[in-house]
Amino acid sequence: MTPDLHALLLDFDGLLADYDHRIHLRQLAEAAQCSSTQVDAALRMEGLELAHARGELDGTQLLDALNQRLDSRLQPCDWHAARTAATSVRRDSVALLTQLRPGVQVAVLTNNGLLTAPVIEQLLPGIPVLCSAALGMRKPDPAAYLAACAALHGDPARTLFVDHLFRNVQGARSAGLPADTAHHTQSLRRLLRRRRLL
């Protein structure tokens, strides 16, 4: 018999929100007084963004590295403003979370760095945000899901994980979590009903 679920662990970008990386780059470029191409090269081609998401660079270290490469003076508020401008919360999907049956714990598990976590927390007030940088590992590494469950003091077998990417769902299943994909509000609603969480 499948155990009753007591927790719901959700992806952010692509499930609860839409994210446009081009807007993020453009906003950062305006703050840094350079081009989007220069910001993109520093973040992606030099691996700064990935290192930040892995927890190898904290927010201060990431911005220091960016400022050194761009000859700029970017501050955390610039990153937060750019990430907020690039993010559009899917209000209908988030509204589903207010309809969950009583006693179900909800949290977000995201492959984002520490600079982005406060933005997600502000966009989803009251929902704990577990980011890969804080956990020290990224989806789809099975250890990331186990670390998330440990942080929530939850049982992996009773924690449903939902992501829009199947590779991340596979990682969760390897860690012993029930997991499935959803791509929009309708598919998320169907999944939550099927799992008797609504």
C-alpha atoms as a PDB file:
ATOM      1  CA  MET A   1       0.000   0.000   0.000  1.00  0.00           C
ATOM      2  CA  THR A   2       1.287   3.456  -0.916  1.00  0.00           C
ATOM      3  CA  PRO A   3       1.846   5.559   2.223  1.00  0.00           C
ATOM      4  CA  ASP A   4      -0.143   8.779   2.617  1.00  0.00           C
ATOM      5  CA  LEU A   5       1.830  11.766   1.438  1.00  0.00           C
ATOM      6  CA  HIS A   6       2.663  14.389   4.019  1.00  0.00           C
ATOM      7  CA  ALA A   7       4.888  16.752   2.027  1.00  0.00           C
ATOM      8  CA  LEU A   8       5.032  18.344  -1.411  1.00  0.00           C
ATOM      9  CA  LEU A   9       8.373  19.399  -2.885  1.00  0.00           C
ATOM     10  CA  LEU A  10       8.106  21.590  -5.978  1.00  0.00           C
ATOM     11  CA  ASP A  11      10.331  22.964  -8.696  1.00  0.00           C
ATOM     12  CA  PHE A  12      10.162  26.750  -9.170  1.00  0.00           C
ATOM     13  CA  ASP A  13      11.241  27.886 -12.653  1.00  0.00           C
ATOM     14  CA  GLY A  14       9.128  26.094 -15.231  1.00  0.00           C
ATOM     15  CA  LEU A  15       6.488  24.924 -12.755  1.00  0.00           C
ATOM     16  CA  LEU A  16       5.468  27.718 -10.389  1.00  0.00           C
ATOM     17  CA  ALA A  17       6.983  30.520 -12.440  1.00  0.00           C
ATOM     18  CA  ASP A  18       8.216  31.465 -15.888  1.00  0.00           C
ATOM     19  CA  TYR A  19      11.756  32.800 -16.122  1.00  0.00           C
ATOM     20  CA  ASP A  20      13.275  34.788 -19.005  1.00  0.00           C
ATOM     21  CA  HIS A  21      17.067  34.714 -18.773  1.00  0.00           C
ATOM     22  CA  ARG A  22      17.342  37.411 -21.455  1.00  0.00           C
ATOM     23  CA  ILE A  23      15.524  39.895 -19.239  1.00  0.00           C
ATOM     24  CA  HIS A  24      17.752  38.994 -16.311  1.00  0.00           C
ATOM     25  CA  LEU A  25      20.850  39.608 -18.432  1.00  0.00           C
ATOM     26  CA  ARG A  26      19.503  42.866 -19.830  1.00  0.00           C
ATOM     27  CA  GLN A  27      18.641  44.232 -16.386  1.00  0.00           C
ATOM     28  CA  LEU A  28      22.059  43.283 -14.999  1.00  0.00           C
ATOM     29  CA  ALA A  29      23.746  44.828 -18.035  1.00  0.00           C
ATOM     30  CA  GLU A  30      21.921  48.118 -17.491  1.00  0.00           C
ATOM     31  CA  ALA A  31      22.981  48.177 -13.838  1.00  0.00           C
ATOM     32  CA  ALA A  32      26.568  47.294 -14.770  1.00  0.00           C
ATOM     33  CA  GLN A  33      26.624  49.720 -17.731  1.00  0.00           C
ATOM     34  CA  CYS A  34      27.769  47.097 -20.181  1.00  0.00           C
ATOM     35  CA  SER A  35      26.206  44.758 -22.744  1.00  0.00           C
ATOM     36  CA  SER A  36      24.059  41.691 -22.132  1.00  0.00           C
ATOM     37  CA  THR A  37      26.625  39.698 -24.099  1.00  0.00           C
ATOM     38  CA  GLN A  38      29.348  40.669 -21.641  1.00  0.00           C
ATOM     39  CA  VAL A  39      27.214  39.672 -18.649  1.00  0.00           C
ATOM     40  CA  ASP A  40      26.270  36.381 -20.304  1.00  0.00           C
ATOM     41  CA  ALA A  41      29.900  35.607 -21.078  1.00  0.00           C
ATOM     42  CA  ALA A  42      30.907  36.202 -17.463  1.00  0.00           C
ATOM     43  CA  LEU A  43      28.035  34.220 -15.974  1.00  0.00           C
ATOM     44  CA  ARG A  44      27.855  31.289 -18.363  1.00  0.00           C
ATOM     45  CA  MET A  45      31.032  30.966 -20.370  1.00  0.00           C
ATOM     46  CA  GLU A  46      33.238  31.503 -17.326  1.00  0.00           C
ATOM     47  CA  GLY A  47      30.998  29.305 -15.208  1.00  0.00           C
ATOM     48  CA  LEU A  48      30.220  31.835 -12.488  1.00  0.00           C
ATOM     49  CA  GLU A  49      26.486  31.175 -12.449  1.00  0.00           C
ATOM     50  CA  LEU A  50      26.919  27.413 -12.230  1.00  0.00           C
ATOM     51  CA  ALA A  51      29.511  27.776  -9.477  1.00  0.00           C
ATOM     52  CA  HIS A  52      27.069  29.981  -7.582  1.00  0.00           C
ATOM     53  CA  ALA A  53      24.243  27.461  -8.037  1.00  0.00           C
ATOM     54  CA  ARG A  54      26.533  24.705  -6.736  1.00  0.00           C
ATOM     55  CA  GLY A  55      27.360  26.739  -3.653  1.00  0.00           C
ATOM     56  CA  GLU A  56      31.009  27.129  -4.674  1.00  0.00           C
ATOM     57  CA  LEU A  57      30.542  30.928  -4.742  1.00  0.00           C
ATOM     58  CA  ASP A  58      28.300  32.747  -2.298  1.00  0.00           C
ATOM     59  CA  GLY A  59      26.465  35.913  -3.319  1.00  0.00           C
ATOM     60  CA  THR A  60      29.299  38.259  -2.375  1.00  0.00           C
ATOM     61  CA  GLN A  61      31.863  36.146  -4.201  1.00  0.00           C
ATOM     62  CA  LEU A  62      29.709  35.944  -7.328  1.00  0.00           C
ATOM     63  CA  LEU A  63      29.174  39.692  -7.464  1.00  0.00           C
ATOM     64  CA  ASP A  64      32.843  40.375  -6.730  1.00  0.00           C
ATOM     65  CA  ALA A  65      33.822  38.115  -9.637  1.00  0.00           C
ATOM     66  CA  LEU A  66      31.272  39.747 -11.928  1.00  0.00           C
ATOM     67  CA  ASN A  67      32.353  43.242 -10.956  1.00  0.00           C
ATOM     68  CA  GLN A  68      35.981  42.378 -11.561  1.00  0.00           C
ATOM     69  CA  ARG A  69      35.239  41.065 -15.037  1.00  0.00           C
ATOM     70  CA  LEU A  70      32.784  43.812 -15.987  1.00  0.00           C
ATOM     71  CA  ASP A  71      34.481  46.719 -14.194  1.00  0.00           C
ATOM     72  CA  SER A  72      31.149  47.372 -12.500  1.00  0.00           C
ATOM     73  CA  ARG A  73      29.687  47.884  -9.036  1.00  0.00           C
ATOM     74  CA  LEU A  74      26.785  45.449  -8.965  1.00  0.00           C
ATOM     75  CA  GLN A  75      25.115  45.008  -5.577  1.00  0.00           C
ATOM     76  CA  PRO A  76      22.744  42.282  -4.294  1.00  0.00           C
ATOM     77  CA  CYS A  77      19.805  44.644  -4.879  1.00  0.00           C
ATOM     78  CA  ASP A  78      20.724  44.792  -8.589  1.00  0.00           C
ATOM     79  CA  TRP A  79      20.650  40.995  -8.854  1.00  0.00           C
ATOM     80  CA  HIS A  80      17.366  40.820  -6.938  1.00  0.00           C
ATOM     81  CA  ALA A  81      15.747  43.479  -9.136  1.00  0.00           C
ATOM     82  CA  ALA A  82      16.930  41.770 -12.330  1.00  0.00           C
ATOM     83  CA  ARG A  83      15.757  38.326 -11.200  1.00  0.00           C
ATOM     84  CA  THR A  84      12.382  39.708 -10.122  1.00  0.00           C
ATOM     85  CA  ALA A  85      11.893  41.464 -13.464  1.00  0.00           C
ATOM     86  CA  ALA A  86      12.727  38.224 -15.288  1.00  0.00           C
ATOM     87  CA  THR A  87      10.310  36.100 -13.246  1.00  0.00           C
ATOM     88  CA  SER A  88       6.561  35.792 -13.695  1.00  0.00           C
ATOM     89  CA  VAL A  89       4.785  33.726 -11.042  1.00  0.00           C
ATOM     90  CA  ARG A  90       2.069  31.385 -12.305  1.00  0.00           C
ATOM     91  CA  ARG A  91      -0.636  32.598  -9.961  1.00  0.00           C
ATOM     92  CA  ASP A  92      -3.108  29.834 -10.839  1.00  0.00           C
ATOM     93  CA  SER A  93      -0.538  27.154 -10.010  1.00  0.00           C
ATOM     94  CA  VAL A  94       0.427  28.810  -6.736  1.00  0.00           C
ATOM     95  CA  ALA A  95      -3.269  29.149  -5.842  1.00  0.00           C
ATOM     96  CA  LEU A  96      -3.548  25.354  -5.940  1.00  0.00           C
ATOM     97  CA  LEU A  97      -1.224  25.184  -2.963  1.00  0.00           C
ATOM     98  CA  THR A  98      -3.809  26.951  -0.808  1.00  0.00           C
ATOM     99  CA  GLN A  99      -6.258  24.135  -1.607  1.00  0.00           C
ATOM    100  CA  LEU A 100      -4.114  21.257  -0.364  1.00  0.00           C
ATOM    101  CA  ARG A 101      -5.599  19.029   2.294  1.00  0.00           C
ATOM    102  CA  PRO A 102      -4.673  20.003   5.855  1.00  0.00           C
ATOM    103  CA  GLY A 103      -1.321  18.895   7.197  1.00  0.00           C
ATOM    104  CA  VAL A 104       0.574  18.771   3.899  1.00  0.00           C
ATOM    105  CA  GLN A 105       3.923  20.557   4.115  1.00  0.00           C
ATOM    106  CA  VAL A 106       4.992  22.499   1.001  1.00  0.00           C
ATOM    107  CA  ALA A 107       8.482  23.603  -0.020  1.00  0.00           C
ATOM    108  CA  VAL A 108      10.392  24.592  -3.153  1.00  0.00           C
ATOM    109  CA  LEU A 109      13.528  22.765  -4.323  1.00  0.00           C
ATOM    110  CA  THR A 110      15.409  24.796  -6.914  1.00  0.00           C
ATOM    111  CA  ASN A 111      18.778  24.698  -8.663  1.00  0.00           C
ATOM    112  CA  ASN A 112      19.373  28.363  -7.887  1.00  0.00           C
ATOM    113  CA  GLY A 113      22.068  30.151  -5.946  1.00  0.00           C
ATOM    114  CA  LEU A 114      21.828  32.014  -2.665  1.00  0.00           C
ATOM    115  CA  LEU A 115      21.346  35.384  -4.374  1.00  0.00           C
ATOM    116  CA  THR A 116      18.112  34.188  -5.979  1.00  0.00           C
ATOM    117  CA  ALA A 117      16.614  32.463  -2.925  1.00  0.00           C
ATOM    118  CA  PRO A 118      15.359  35.739  -1.328  1.00  0.00           C
ATOM    119  CA  VAL A 119      13.612  36.628  -4.581  1.00  0.00           C
ATOM    120  CA  ILE A 120      11.730  33.316  -4.632  1.00  0.00           C
ATOM    121  CA  GLU A 121      10.875  33.693  -0.944  1.00  0.00           C
ATOM    122  CA  GLN A 122       9.439  37.137  -1.617  1.00  0.00           C
ATOM    123  CA  LEU A 123       7.419  35.868  -4.592  1.00  0.00           C
ATOM    124  CA  LEU A 124       6.133  32.854  -2.625  1.00  0.00           C
ATOM    125  CA  PRO A 125       5.651  34.183   0.916  1.00  0.00           C
ATOM    126  CA  GLY A 126       5.330  31.532   3.574  1.00  0.00           C
ATOM    127  CA  ILE A 127       6.797  28.711   1.464  1.00  0.00           C
ATOM    128  CA  PRO A 128      10.255  27.417   2.454  1.00  0.00           C
ATOM    129  CA  VAL A 129      12.813  27.630  -0.349  1.00  0.00           C
ATOM    130  CA  LEU A 130      15.585  25.026  -0.516  1.00  0.00           C
ATOM    131  CA  CYS A 131      18.217  25.956  -3.070  1.00  0.00           C
ATOM    132  CA  SER A 132      20.982  23.801  -4.469  1.00  0.00           C
ATOM    133  CA  ALA A 133      23.677  26.182  -3.238  1.00  0.00           C
ATOM    134  CA  ALA A 134      22.571  25.799   0.384  1.00  0.00           C
ATOM    135  CA  LEU A 135      22.234  22.025   0.080  1.00  0.00           C
ATOM    136  CA  GLY A 136      25.590  21.675  -1.661  1.00  0.00           C
ATOM    137  CA  MET A 137      24.192  19.562  -4.495  1.00  0.00           C
ATOM    138  CA  ARG A 138      21.902  19.997  -7.485  1.00  0.00           C
ATOM    139  CA  LYS A 139      18.987  18.172  -9.021  1.00  0.00           C
ATOM    140  CA  PRO A 140      18.981  15.497 -10.430  1.00  0.00           C
ATOM    141  CA  ASP A 141      21.558  14.175  -7.958  1.00  0.00           C
ATOM    142  CA  PRO A 142      19.526  11.823  -5.704  1.00  0.00           C
ATOM    143  CA  ALA A 143      21.394  13.199  -2.696  1.00  0.00           C
ATOM    144  CA  ALA A 144      19.803  16.618  -3.299  1.00  0.00           C
ATOM    145  CA  TYR A 145      16.313  15.249  -2.681  1.00  0.00           C
ATOM    146  CA  LEU A 146      17.374  13.374   0.417  1.00  0.00           C
ATOM    147  CA  ALA A 147      19.027  16.532   1.753  1.00  0.00           C
ATOM    148  CA  ALA A 148      15.842  18.476   1.063  1.00  0.00           C
ATOM    149  CA  CYS A 149      13.732  15.918   2.913  1.00  0.00           C
ATOM    150  CA  ALA A 150      16.167  15.991   5.828  1.00  0.00           C
ATOM    151  CA  ALA A 151      15.920  19.782   5.958  1.00  0.00           C
ATOM    152  CA  LEU A 152      12.136  19.451   6.149  1.00  0.00           C
ATOM    153  CA  HIS A 153      12.366  16.577   8.670  1.00  0.00           C
ATOM    154  CA  GLY A 154      10.307  14.554   6.214  1.00  0.00           C
ATOM    155  CA  ASP A 155      10.154  10.965   5.007  1.00  0.00           C
ATOM    156  CA  PRO A 156      11.243  10.673   1.337  1.00  0.00           C
ATOM    157  CA  ALA A 157       8.677   7.924   0.726  1.00  0.00           C
ATOM    158  CA  ARG A 158       5.911  10.306   1.819  1.00  0.00           C
ATOM    159  CA  THR A 159       7.187  13.389  -0.040  1.00  0.00           C
ATOM    160  CA  LEU A 160       5.878  14.012  -3.553  1.00  0.00           C
ATOM    161  CA  PHE A 161       8.327  15.805  -5.842  1.00  0.00           C
ATOM    162  CA  VAL A 162       7.062  17.651  -8.928  1.00  0.00           C
ATOM    163  CA  ASP A 163       9.233  19.179 -11.665  1.00  0.00           C
ATOM    164  CA  HIS A 164       8.775  20.163 -15.307  1.00  0.00           C
ATOM    165  CA  LEU A 165      11.951  18.270 -16.296  1.00  0.00           C
ATOM    166  CA  PHE A 166      11.782  14.479 -16.387  1.00  0.00           C
ATOM    167  CA  ARG A 167      15.488  14.071 -15.593  1.00  0.00           C
ATOM    168  CA  ASN A 168      14.848  15.767 -12.243  1.00  0.00           C
ATOM    169  CA  VAL A 169      11.872  13.484 -11.630  1.00  0.00           C
ATOM    170  CA  GLN A 170      14.105  10.472 -12.353  1.00  0.00           C
ATOM    171  CA  GLY A 171      16.614  11.713  -9.790  1.00  0.00           C
ATOM    172  CA  ALA A 172      13.894  12.030  -7.168  1.00  0.00           C
ATOM    173  CA  ARG A 173      12.613   8.539  -7.884  1.00  0.00           C
ATOM    174  CA  SER A 174      16.147   7.189  -7.518  1.00  0.00           C
ATOM    175  CA  ALA A 175      16.186   8.764  -4.053  1.00  0.00           C
ATOM    176  CA  GLY A 176      12.958   6.978  -3.108  1.00  0.00           C
ATOM    177  CA  LEU A 177      10.536   9.879  -3.518  1.00  0.00           C
ATOM    178  CA  PRO A 178       7.285   9.513  -5.436  1.00  0.00           C
ATOM    179  CA  ALA A 179       7.738  11.986  -8.278  1.00  0.00           C
ATOM    180  CA  ASP A 180       6.099  13.158 -11.477  1.00  0.00           C
ATOM    181  CA  THR A 181       6.202  15.902 -14.082  1.00  0.00           C
ATOM    182  CA  ALA A 182       3.801  18.810 -14.530  1.00  0.00           C
ATOM    183  CA  HIS A 183       4.057  21.593 -17.077  1.00  0.00           C
ATOM    184  CA  HIS A 184       1.111  23.888 -16.342  1.00  0.00           C
ATOM    185  CA  THR A 185      -1.680  24.472 -13.857  1.00  0.00           C
ATOM    186  CA  GLN A 186      -3.977  21.848 -15.368  1.00  0.00           C
ATOM    187  CA  SER A 187      -1.407  19.049 -15.225  1.00  0.00           C
ATOM    188  CA  LEU A 188      -0.375  20.054 -11.701  1.00  0.00           C
ATOM    189  CA  ARG A 189      -4.015  20.005 -10.575  1.00  0.00           C
ATOM    190  CA  ARG A 190      -4.576  16.563 -12.109  1.00  0.00           C
ATOM    191  CA  LEU A 191      -1.449  15.230 -10.424  1.00  0.00           C
ATOM    192  CA  LEU A 192      -2.361  16.611  -6.999  1.00  0.00           C
ATOM    193  CA  ARG A 193      -5.860  15.166  -7.284  1.00  0.00           C
ATOM    194  CA  ARG A 194      -4.535  11.783  -8.376  1.00  0.00           C
ATOM    195  CA  ARG A 195      -2.183  11.774  -5.382  1.00  0.00           C
ATOM    196  CA  ARG A 196      -5.110  12.776  -3.128  1.00  0.00           C
ATOM    197  CA  LEU A 197      -3.457  15.994  -2.031  1.00  0.00           C
ATOM    198  CA  LEU A 198      -6.365  18.217  -3.076  1.00  0.00           C
END
